[in-house]
C-alpha atoms as a PDB file:
ATOM      1  CA  MET A   1       5.994  28.114  17.528  1.00  0.00           C
ATOM      2  CA  GLU A   2       4.518  24.911  16.186  1.00  0.00           C
ATOM      3  CA  PRO A   3       6.733  23.760  13.213  1.00  0.00           C
ATOM      4  CA  PRO A   4       5.008  23.200   9.684  1.00  0.00           C
ATOM      5  CA  ILE A   5       5.103  19.890   9.565  1.00  0.00           C
ATOM      6  CA  ALA A   6       4.402  19.538   6.333  1.00  0.00           C
ATOM      7  CA  GLU A   7       5.794  22.149   4.793  1.00  0.00           C
ATOM      8  CA  LEU A   8       9.379  20.700   6.235  1.00  0.00           C
ATOM      9  CA  SER A   9       8.198  17.654   4.790  1.00  0.00           C
ATOM     10  CA  SER A  10       7.710  19.020   1.435  1.00  0.00           C
ATOM     11  CA  ILE A  11      11.001  20.701   1.051  1.00  0.00           C
ATOM     12  CA  SER A  12      12.561  17.728   2.241  1.00  0.00           C
ATOM     13  CA  ALA A  13      11.787  15.278  -0.516  1.00  0.00           C
ATOM     14  CA  THR A  14      12.237  18.461  -2.710  1.00  0.00           C
ATOM     15  CA  LEU A  15      16.073  18.753  -1.007  1.00  0.00           C
ATOM     16  CA  ASP A  16      16.499  15.070  -1.569  1.00  0.00           C
ATOM     17  CA  GLU A  17      14.936  15.075  -5.133  1.00  0.00           C
ATOM     18  CA  ILE A  18      18.014  18.061  -5.636  1.00  0.00           C
ATOM     19  CA  THR A  19      20.601  15.968  -4.453  1.00  0.00           C
ATOM     20  CA  LYS A  20      19.821  13.757  -6.043  1.00  0.00           C
ATOM     21  CA  ARG A  21      19.714  14.970  -9.682  1.00  0.00           C
ATOM     22  CA  VAL A  22      23.335  16.681  -9.119  1.00  0.00           C
ATOM     23  CA  GLY A  23      24.392  13.587  -8.023  1.00  0.00           C
ATOM     24  CA  ALA A  24      23.497  12.599 -11.427  1.00  0.00           C
ATOM     25  CA  LEU A  25      25.314  15.612 -13.368  1.00  0.00           C
ATOM     26  CA  ALA A  26      28.135  15.287 -11.055  1.00  0.00           C
ATOM     27  CA  LEU A  27      28.235  11.768 -12.657  1.00  0.00           C
ATOM     28  CA  GLN A  28      27.548  12.273 -15.925  1.00  0.00           C
ATOM     29  CA  ALA A  29      30.341  15.380 -16.040  1.00  0.00           C
ATOM     30  CA  ALA A  30      32.756  13.018 -13.958  1.00  0.00           C
ATOM     31  CA  ASP A  31      32.738  10.605 -17.197  1.00  0.00           C
ATOM     32  CA  GLN A  32      32.319  13.377 -19.966  1.00  0.00           C
ATOM     33  CA  GLY A  33      35.905  14.355 -18.387  1.00  0.00           C
ATOM     34  CA  ALA A  34      35.130  17.558 -16.641  1.00  0.00           C
ATOM     35  CA  GLU A  35      37.024  16.380 -13.610  1.00  0.00           C
ATOM     36  CA  GLU A  36      36.606  20.547 -12.040  1.00  0.00           C
ATOM     37  CA  LEU A  37      33.217  20.508 -12.736  1.00  0.00           C
ATOM     38  CA  ALA A  38      32.513  17.208 -11.327  1.00  0.00           C
ATOM     39  CA  GLY A  39      34.342  17.809  -8.255  1.00  0.00           C
ATOM     40  CA  ASP A  40      32.339  21.017  -7.483  1.00  0.00           C
ATOM     41  CA  LEU A  41      29.108  19.033  -8.231  1.00  0.00           C
ATOM     42  CA  PHE A  42      29.772  16.580  -6.050  1.00  0.00           C
ATOM     43  CA  SER A  43      30.391  18.638  -3.451  1.00  0.00           C
ATOM     44  CA  ILE A  44      27.625  20.506  -3.869  1.00  0.00           C
ATOM     45  CA  GLU A  45      25.688  17.091  -3.741  1.00  0.00           C
ATOM     46  CA  ARG A  46      27.263  16.747  -0.143  1.00  0.00           C
ATOM     47  CA  ALA A  47      26.381  19.706   1.013  1.00  0.00           C
ATOM     48  CA  LEU A  48      23.222  19.339  -0.082  1.00  0.00           C
ATOM     49  CA  GLY A  49      22.818  15.532   1.524  1.00  0.00           C
ATOM     50  CA  GLY A  50      24.188  17.001   4.774  1.00  0.00           C
ATOM     51  CA  ALA A  51      21.007  20.095   4.696  1.00  0.00           C
ATOM     52  CA  GLY A  52      18.222  16.732   3.282  1.00  0.00           C
ATOM     53  CA  ARG A  53      19.096  15.029   6.538  1.00  0.00           C
ATOM     54  CA  ARG A  54      19.069  17.521   8.719  1.00  0.00           C
ATOM     55  CA  MET A  55      15.779  18.448   7.271  1.00  0.00           C
ATOM     56  CA  ALA A  56      14.821  14.929   7.762  1.00  0.00           C
ATOM     57  CA  LYS A  57      14.879  15.405  11.510  1.00  0.00           C
ATOM     58  CA  LEU A  58      13.544  18.106  12.003  1.00  0.00           C
ATOM     59  CA  VAL A  59      10.655  16.542  10.367  1.00  0.00           C
ATOM     60  CA  SER A  60      11.008  13.204  12.541  1.00  0.00           C
ATOM     61  CA  SER A  61      11.301  14.661  15.811  1.00  0.00           C
ATOM     62  CA  GLY A  62       8.182  17.528  15.076  1.00  0.00           C
ATOM     63  CA  HIS A  63      11.364  19.885  15.767  1.00  0.00           C
ATOM     64  CA  LYS A  64      10.768  19.207  19.684  1.00  0.00           C
ATOM     65  CA  ARG A  65      13.364  20.686  21.586  1.00  0.00           C
END
């Protein structure tokens, strides 16, 4: 199956944007002293970052495995 590179690229860009937004919320929560919320959001940010890197790798390689 040929990978749908355009769609994967779009998803990759969306993941990057969501990761940035979650990171900004985490920083805001930390600044406001909501440490538990900030910790959860930073954890989510890391997971999204990993997913984004994996998706970007698929896009850049054209999924040639």
